[in-house]
C-alpha atoms as a PDB file:
ATOM      1  CA  MET A   1      -4.954 -15.044  19.959  1.00  0.00           C
ATOM      2  CA  MET A   2      -4.163 -15.421  16.027  1.00  0.00           C
ATOM      3  CA  LYS A   3      -7.354 -15.675  15.428  1.00  0.00           C
ATOM      4  CA  THR A   4      -7.912 -12.063  17.369  1.00  0.00           C
ATOM      5  CA  HIS A   5      -5.438 -10.068  15.460  1.00  0.00           C
ATOM      6  CA  LEU A   6      -6.437 -10.974  12.275  1.00  0.00           C
ATOM      7  CA  ILE A   7      -9.735 -10.101  12.789  1.00  0.00           C
ATOM      8  CA  LEU A   8      -8.308  -6.891  13.172  1.00  0.00           C
ATOM      9  CA  VAL A   9      -6.357  -7.066  10.345  1.00  0.00           C
ATOM     10  CA  PHE A  10      -9.661  -7.695   8.019  1.00  0.00           C
ATOM     11  CA  ALA A  11     -11.239  -4.567   9.568  1.00  0.00           C
ATOM     12  CA  GLY A  12      -8.367  -2.733   8.884  1.00  0.00           C
ATOM     13  CA  ILE A  13      -8.335  -3.804   5.304  1.00  0.00           C
ATOM     14  CA  SER A  14     -12.394  -3.347   5.292  1.00  0.00           C
ATOM     15  CA  LEU A  15     -12.011   0.111   6.237  1.00  0.00           C
ATOM     16  CA  PHE A  16      -8.929   1.207   4.058  1.00  0.00           C
ATOM     17  CA  THR A  17     -10.468  -0.819   0.475  1.00  0.00           C
ATOM     18  CA  ASN A  18     -13.684  -1.326  -1.177  1.00  0.00           C
ATOM     19  CA  PHE A  19     -12.724  -4.801  -1.350  1.00  0.00           C
ATOM     20  CA  THR A  20     -14.780  -7.673   0.722  1.00  0.00           C
ATOM     21  CA  PHE A  21     -14.653 -11.359   1.610  1.00  0.00           C
ATOM     22  CA  ALA A  22     -15.732 -14.581   0.859  1.00  0.00           C
ATOM     23  CA  GLN A  23     -17.426 -13.909  -2.670  1.00  0.00           C
ATOM     24  CA  THR A  24     -16.416 -17.597  -4.092  1.00  0.00           C
ATOM     25  CA  PRO A  25     -15.808 -20.750  -3.016  1.00  0.00           C
ATOM     26  CA  PHE A  26     -12.143 -20.492  -3.623  1.00  0.00           C
ATOM     27  CA  GLU A  27     -12.168 -17.043  -1.332  1.00  0.00           C
ATOM     28  CA  ARG A  28     -13.582 -18.358   1.148  1.00  0.00           C
ATOM     29  CA  LEU A  29     -11.371 -20.876   1.376  1.00  0.00           C
ATOM     30  CA  GLY A  30      -8.547 -18.484   1.429  1.00  0.00           C
ATOM     31  CA  GLN A  31      -9.909 -16.056   3.562  1.00  0.00           C
ATOM     32  CA  LYS A  32     -10.045 -18.988   5.963  1.00  0.00           C
ATOM     33  CA  ALA A  33      -6.811 -19.884   5.708  1.00  0.00           C
ATOM     34  CA  MET A  34      -5.852 -16.467   6.367  1.00  0.00           C
ATOM     35  CA  THR A  35      -7.503 -16.665   9.629  1.00  0.00           C
ATOM     36  CA  GLY A  36      -5.745 -19.533  10.427  1.00  0.00           C
ATOM     37  CA  GLY A  37      -1.986 -17.500   9.343  1.00  0.00           C
ATOM     38  CA  GLN A  38      -1.893 -19.548   6.873  1.00  0.00           C
ATOM     39  CA  PHE A  39      -0.570 -16.530   4.347  1.00  0.00           C
ATOM     40  CA  SER A  40       0.949 -18.456   1.581  1.00  0.00           C
ATOM     41  CA  VAL A  41      -2.067 -21.345   1.326  1.00  0.00           C
ATOM     42  CA  ALA A  42      -4.792 -17.986   1.388  1.00  0.00           C
ATOM     43  CA  ALA A  43      -2.286 -16.722  -1.642  1.00  0.00           C
ATOM     44  CA  GLY A  44      -3.044 -19.757  -3.518  1.00  0.00           C
ATOM     45  CA  TYR A  45      -6.466 -20.069  -3.478  1.00  0.00           C
ATOM     46  CA  PHE A  46      -7.131 -16.780  -4.170  1.00  0.00           C
ATOM     47  CA  GLU A  47      -4.942 -17.540  -7.482  1.00  0.00           C
ATOM     48  CA  LYS A  48      -7.283 -19.936  -8.259  1.00  0.00           C
ATOM     49  CA  ALA A  49     -10.033 -17.657  -7.802  1.00  0.00           C
ATOM     50  CA  TYR A  50      -8.572 -14.825  -9.992  1.00  0.00           C
ATOM     51  CA  ALA A  51      -7.480 -17.734 -12.359  1.00  0.00           C
ATOM     52  CA  ASN A  52     -11.532 -18.503 -12.768  1.00  0.00           C
ATOM     53  CA  ASP A  53     -12.009 -14.623 -13.530  1.00  0.00           C
ATOM     54  CA  ARG A  54     -10.047 -12.515 -14.543  1.00  0.00           C
ATOM     55  CA  THR A  55     -12.027  -9.119 -13.575  1.00  0.00           C
ATOM     56  CA  ASN A  56     -12.182 -10.151  -9.919  1.00  0.00           C
ATOM     57  CA  MET A  57      -9.897  -7.261  -8.112  1.00  0.00           C
ATOM     58  CA  ASN A  58     -11.224  -8.947  -4.609  1.00  0.00           C
ATOM     59  CA  ALA A  59      -8.515 -12.292  -5.531  1.00  0.00           C
ATOM     60  CA  LEU A  60      -5.961  -9.878  -6.682  1.00  0.00           C
ATOM     61  CA  TRP A  61      -5.702  -7.585  -3.521  1.00  0.00           C
ATOM     62  CA  LEU A  62      -6.470 -10.171  -1.141  1.00  0.00           C
ATOM     63  CA  MET A  63      -3.431 -12.535  -3.258  1.00  0.00           C
ATOM     64  CA  GLY A  64      -1.257  -9.243  -3.074  1.00  0.00           C
ATOM     65  CA  TYR A  65      -2.644  -9.348   0.593  1.00  0.00           C
ATOM     66  CA  SER A  66      -1.428 -12.700   1.663  1.00  0.00           C
ATOM     67  CA  SER A  67       1.497 -12.938  -0.738  1.00  0.00           C
ATOM     68  CA  TYR A  68       2.701 -10.103   1.186  1.00  0.00           C
ATOM     69  CA  HIS A  69       2.477 -11.581   4.741  1.00  0.00           C
ATOM     70  CA  ALA A  70       3.974 -14.996   3.112  1.00  0.00           C
ATOM     71  CA  ALA A  71       7.077 -12.835   2.693  1.00  0.00           C
ATOM     72  CA  ASP A  72       6.722 -13.808  -1.122  1.00  0.00           C
ATOM     73  CA  TYR A  73       7.138 -10.572  -2.234  1.00  0.00           C
ATOM     74  CA  LYS A  74       7.636 -10.920  -5.818  1.00  0.00           C
ATOM     75  CA  LYS A  75       4.268 -12.697  -5.985  1.00  0.00           C
ATOM     76  CA  SER A  76       2.842  -9.837  -4.192  1.00  0.00           C
ATOM     77  CA  ILE A  77       4.183  -7.358  -6.627  1.00  0.00           C
ATOM     78  CA  GLU A  78       3.207  -9.018  -9.470  1.00  0.00           C
ATOM     79  CA  ALA A  79      -0.487  -9.438  -7.988  1.00  0.00           C
ATOM     80  CA  PHE A  80      -0.648  -5.261  -7.301  1.00  0.00           C
ATOM     81  CA  ASP A  81       0.516  -4.915 -10.348  1.00  0.00           C
ATOM     82  CA  ARG A  82      -2.542  -6.514 -11.665  1.00  0.00           C
ATOM     83  CA  LEU A  83      -4.884  -4.912  -9.924  1.00  0.00           C
ATOM     84  CA  LEU A  84      -3.755  -1.488 -10.080  1.00  0.00           C
ATOM     85  CA  ALA A  85      -3.733  -1.577 -13.700  1.00  0.00           C
ATOM     86  CA  MET A  86      -7.431  -2.503 -13.699  1.00  0.00           C
ATOM     87  CA  LYS A  87      -7.982  -0.092 -10.805  1.00  0.00           C
ATOM     88  CA  PRO A  88      -5.201   3.151 -10.545  1.00  0.00           C
ATOM     89  CA  THR A  89      -6.688   4.627  -7.769  1.00  0.00           C
ATOM     90  CA  GLU A  90      -6.693   2.208  -4.983  1.00  0.00           C
ATOM     91  CA  THR A  91      -4.279   3.643  -2.362  1.00  0.00           C
ATOM     92  CA  ALA A  92      -3.822   0.396  -0.112  1.00  0.00           C
ATOM     93  CA  ALA A  93      -2.293  -1.375  -3.362  1.00  0.00           C
ATOM     94  CA  TYR A  94       0.918   1.301  -4.117  1.00  0.00           C
ATOM     95  CA  TYR A  95       1.299   0.883  -0.504  1.00  0.00           C
ATOM     96  CA  TYR A  96       1.742  -2.722  -0.532  1.00  0.00           C
ATOM     97  CA  ARG A  97       3.705  -3.037  -2.878  1.00  0.00           C
ATOM     98  CA  GLY A  98       6.095  -0.551  -2.257  1.00  0.00           C
ATOM     99  CA  LYS A  99       6.286  -2.053   0.951  1.00  0.00           C
ATOM    100  CA  ALA A 100       6.689  -5.638  -1.237  1.00  0.00           C
ATOM    101  CA  LYS A 101       9.187  -4.041  -3.260  1.00  0.00           C
ATOM    102  CA  VAL A 102      11.786  -2.241  -0.397  1.00  0.00           C
ATOM    103  CA  LEU A 103      11.674  -5.473   1.077  1.00  0.00           C
ATOM    104  CA  TYR A 104      12.180  -7.599  -1.996  1.00  0.00           C
ATOM    105  CA  ALA A 105      15.219  -5.530  -2.957  1.00  0.00           C
ATOM    106  CA  SER A 106      16.911  -6.247   0.643  1.00  0.00           C
ATOM    107  CA  SER A 107      17.040  -9.939  -0.759  1.00  0.00           C
ATOM    108  CA  PHE A 108      19.609  -9.527  -3.619  1.00  0.00           C
ATOM    109  CA  LYS A 109      22.391 -10.672  -2.669  1.00  0.00           C
ATOM    110  CA  ASP A 110      24.067  -8.852  -5.493  1.00  0.00           C
ATOM    111  CA  TYR A 111      24.556  -5.033  -4.760  1.00  0.00           C
ATOM    112  CA  LYS A 112      25.715  -4.084  -8.042  1.00  0.00           C
ATOM    113  CA  SER A 113      22.217  -5.732  -9.720  1.00  0.00           C
ATOM    114  CA  THR A 114      20.189  -2.953 -11.106  1.00  0.00           C
ATOM    115  CA  ASP A 115      16.862  -5.050 -10.270  1.00  0.00           C
ATOM    116  CA  ARG A 116      18.068  -4.024  -6.660  1.00  0.00           C
ATOM    117  CA  GLU A 117      17.789   0.154  -7.695  1.00  0.00           C
ATOM    118  CA  LYS A 118      14.552  -0.419  -9.294  1.00  0.00           C
ATOM    119  CA  LEU A 119      12.354  -1.578  -7.048  1.00  0.00           C
ATOM    120  CA  LEU A 120      13.681   1.341  -4.759  1.00  0.00           C
ATOM    121  CA  LEU A 121      12.843   3.507  -7.594  1.00  0.00           C
ATOM    122  CA  GLY A 122       9.130   1.868  -8.028  1.00  0.00           C
ATOM    123  CA  ALA A 123       8.815   1.559  -3.983  1.00  0.00           C
ATOM    124  CA  ILE A 124       9.405   5.701  -3.716  1.00  0.00           C
ATOM    125  CA  LYS A 125       7.263   6.430  -6.659  1.00  0.00           C
ATOM    126  CA  ASP A 126       4.451   3.965  -5.382  1.00  0.00           C
ATOM    127  CA  PHE A 127       4.506   5.772  -2.161  1.00  0.00           C
ATOM    128  CA  SER A 128       4.623   9.240  -4.250  1.00  0.00           C
ATOM    129  CA  SER A 129       1.567   7.643  -5.897  1.00  0.00           C
ATOM    130  CA  ALA A 130      -0.446   6.840  -2.731  1.00  0.00           C
ATOM    131  CA  LEU A 131       0.253  10.346  -1.102  1.00  0.00           C
ATOM    132  CA  ASP A 132      -0.983  11.580  -4.408  1.00  0.00           C
ATOM    133  CA  LEU A 133      -4.269  10.016  -3.587  1.00  0.00           C
ATOM    134  CA  THR A 134      -3.972  10.238   0.247  1.00  0.00           C
ATOM    135  CA  PRO A 135      -1.742  13.468   1.093  1.00  0.00           C
ATOM    136  CA  THR A 136      -2.609  13.173   4.983  1.00  0.00           C
ATOM    137  CA  ASP A 137      -1.602   9.767   5.356  1.00  0.00           C
ATOM    138  CA  TYR A 138       1.715   9.996   7.531  1.00  0.00           C
ATOM    139  CA  LYS A 139       2.328   6.543   7.197  1.00  0.00           C
ATOM    140  CA  LEU A 140       3.355   6.733   3.746  1.00  0.00           C
ATOM    141  CA  PHE A 141       5.544   9.434   4.078  1.00  0.00           C
ATOM    142  CA  GLN A 142       7.283   7.420   7.044  1.00  0.00           C
ATOM    143  CA  ASN A 143       7.580   4.485   4.606  1.00  0.00           C
ATOM    144  CA  ARG A 144       8.729   7.315   1.427  1.00  0.00           C
ATOM    145  CA  ALA A 145      11.536   7.916   3.914  1.00  0.00           C
ATOM    146  CA  LEU A 146      12.579   4.376   4.371  1.00  0.00           C
ATOM    147  CA  ALA A 147      12.783   3.952   0.992  1.00  0.00           C
ATOM    148  CA  TYR A 148      14.708   7.303   0.420  1.00  0.00           C
ATOM    149  CA  GLN A 149      17.086   5.967   3.063  1.00  0.00           C
ATOM    150  CA  GLU A 150      17.836   2.778   1.424  1.00  0.00           C
ATOM    151  CA  TYR A 151      18.000   4.208  -1.986  1.00  0.00           C
ATOM    152  CA  ALA A 152      20.376   6.578  -0.413  1.00  0.00           C
ATOM    153  CA  LEU A 153      22.413   3.925   1.078  1.00  0.00           C
ATOM    154  CA  TYR A 154      22.581   1.736  -2.213  1.00  0.00           C
ATOM    155  CA  LYS A 155      23.945   5.018  -4.225  1.00  0.00           C
ATOM    156  CA  SER A 156      26.320   5.949  -1.770  1.00  0.00           C
ATOM    157  CA  GLN A 157      28.446   2.462  -2.076  1.00  0.00           C
ATOM    158  CA  LYS A 158      31.892   2.572  -3.619  1.00  0.00           C
ATOM    159  CA  ILE A 159      31.001   0.308  -6.476  1.00  0.00           C
ATOM    160  CA  ALA A 160      31.488   0.877  -9.896  1.00  0.00           C
ATOM    161  CA  ASP A 161      28.187   1.877 -11.839  1.00  0.00           C
ATOM    162  CA  VAL A 162      26.241   1.935  -8.521  1.00  0.00           C
ATOM    163  CA  TYR A 163      27.892   4.565  -6.741  1.00  0.00           C
ATOM    164  CA  ASN A 164      26.191   8.509  -7.373  1.00  0.00           C
ATOM    165  CA  LYS A 165      27.275  11.341  -4.659  1.00  0.00           C
ATOM    166  CA  THR A 166      24.527  13.493  -5.626  1.00  0.00           C
ATOM    167  CA  ALA A 167      21.647  10.745  -6.183  1.00  0.00           C
ATOM    168  CA  ALA A 168      22.688   9.790  -2.616  1.00  0.00           C
ATOM    169  CA  ILE A 169      22.633  13.036  -1.263  1.00  0.00           C
ATOM    170  CA  ASN A 170      19.482  14.057  -2.952  1.00  0.00           C
ATOM    171  CA  ALA A 171      17.572  10.904  -1.344  1.00  0.00           C
ATOM    172  CA  CYS A 172      19.141  11.518   2.137  1.00  0.00           C
ATOM    173  CA  ASN A 173      17.156  15.232   1.925  1.00  0.00           C
ATOM    174  CA  ALA A 174      14.131  13.738   0.771  1.00  0.00           C
ATOM    175  CA  SER A 175      14.039  11.005   3.749  1.00  0.00           C
ATOM    176  CA  ILE A 176      14.715  13.774   5.916  1.00  0.00           C
ATOM    177  CA  ALA A 177      12.254  16.069   4.825  1.00  0.00           C
ATOM    178  CA  ASP A 178       9.413  13.338   4.996  1.00  0.00           C
ATOM    179  CA  PHE A 179      10.883  12.092   7.979  1.00  0.00           C
ATOM    180  CA  GLN A 180      10.024  15.850   9.603  1.00  0.00           C
ATOM    181  CA  LYS A 181       6.408  15.866   8.164  1.00  0.00           C
ATOM    182  CA  VAL A 182       5.811  12.890  10.186  1.00  0.00           C
ATOM    183  CA  LEU A 183       6.970  14.543  12.925  1.00  0.00           C
ATOM    184  CA  GLU A 184       4.863  17.481  12.546  1.00  0.00           C
ATOM    185  CA  GLU A 185       1.819  15.600  11.981  1.00  0.00           C
ATOM    186  CA  SER A 186       2.788  13.353  15.352  1.00  0.00           C
ATOM    187  CA  GLY A 187       5.156  15.112  17.586  1.00  0.00           C
ATOM    188  CA  TYR A 188       8.362  13.702  19.204  1.00  0.00           C
ATOM    189  CA  ARG A 189       8.695   9.785  18.421  1.00  0.00           C
ATOM    190  CA  ARG A 190      12.352   8.338  19.183  1.00  0.00           C
ATOM    191  CA  ASP A 191      11.908   6.031  16.444  1.00  0.00           C
ATOM    192  CA  ILE A 192      11.120   8.539  13.876  1.00  0.00           C
ATOM    193  CA  MET A 193      14.122  10.910  15.571  1.00  0.00           C
ATOM    194  CA  ALA A 194      16.840   7.335  15.054  1.00  0.00           C
ATOM    195  CA  GLN A 195      15.780   7.604  11.528  1.00  0.00           C
ATOM    196  CA  ILE A 196      17.006  10.855  11.105  1.00  0.00           C
ATOM    197  CA  GLU A 197      20.044  11.177  12.845  1.00  0.00           C
ATOM    198  CA  LYS A 198      20.989   7.754  11.210  1.00  0.00           C
ATOM    199  CA  THR A 199      20.489   9.132   7.676  1.00  0.00           C
ATOM    200  CA  LYS A 200      22.045  12.396   8.524  1.00  0.00           C
ATOM    201  CA  GLN A 201      24.964   9.940   9.763  1.00  0.00           C
ATOM    202  CA  LEU A 202      24.454   8.829   6.074  1.00  0.00           C
ATOM    203  CA  LEU A 203      24.929  12.299   4.772  1.00  0.00           C
ATOM    204  CA  SER A 204      27.679  13.182   6.662  1.00  0.00           C
ATOM    205  CA  ASP A 205      29.586  10.090   5.392  1.00  0.00           C
ATOM    206  CA  ILE A 206      29.159  10.846   1.791  1.00  0.00           C
ATOM    207  CA  LYS A 207      30.110  14.063   1.719  1.00  0.00           C
END
C-alpha cells in the first residue's frame, strides 16, 4: 500500500516538474529510502548528492521534497531557496516552500516572534509567485487563502507589536477572495465553505 502510494507520488512529481530520479548513487539510495517512506534518510542522501555537485538541481528538488515530508520544514525551505536561486520558474518549488513556511510558522510557540510573521508573508509571496507562473492552478489559490487566514489570525492578536487591525482585515478579505476563486472553479465544496465561514467569523470578531 505504501509502495503503491509512493509510486503515485513519484509520477505526480514527474508531471509537475522537469526533474528526474536516480541519476547518481546517492540519488538512487535516496529514491529507495523514499519508496520505503524513510523521508528523513532520503533527504540525507540527496543532501550528499548535492554536496558532490552544487549544480545538481535534481538533488536539491528531492532534498526539499523529502525534507518537507519528513517535517523538517527549515531544511526543506533552505533546499528550495537554493533551487529557486538557480531556477526561478519552478512552480512546484514555490508551492512546497510556501507550504513548508506555513507549517514551520505554526511550530513557533512565541506568538510575538517576528520569524512567524516573516514565514507567513513569505508563504503568501511563494503562492503568488507560483500563480504568476500557473494562474489556473486552483490548489495554489486554496493554499494562499489558508496562508492569508493564518496571517489574519496572527495580526488579530491583541499583543503589543503584533496587533494590526488593518492588516488583519485585509488578510481576511484576501483569504475569502482566494477561497471564492476555488469555488468558482470546483463548484460547491463543503471544506472550502467551512473555511470561508471561519474567515468571515474572524473578520467579524476583528471589526
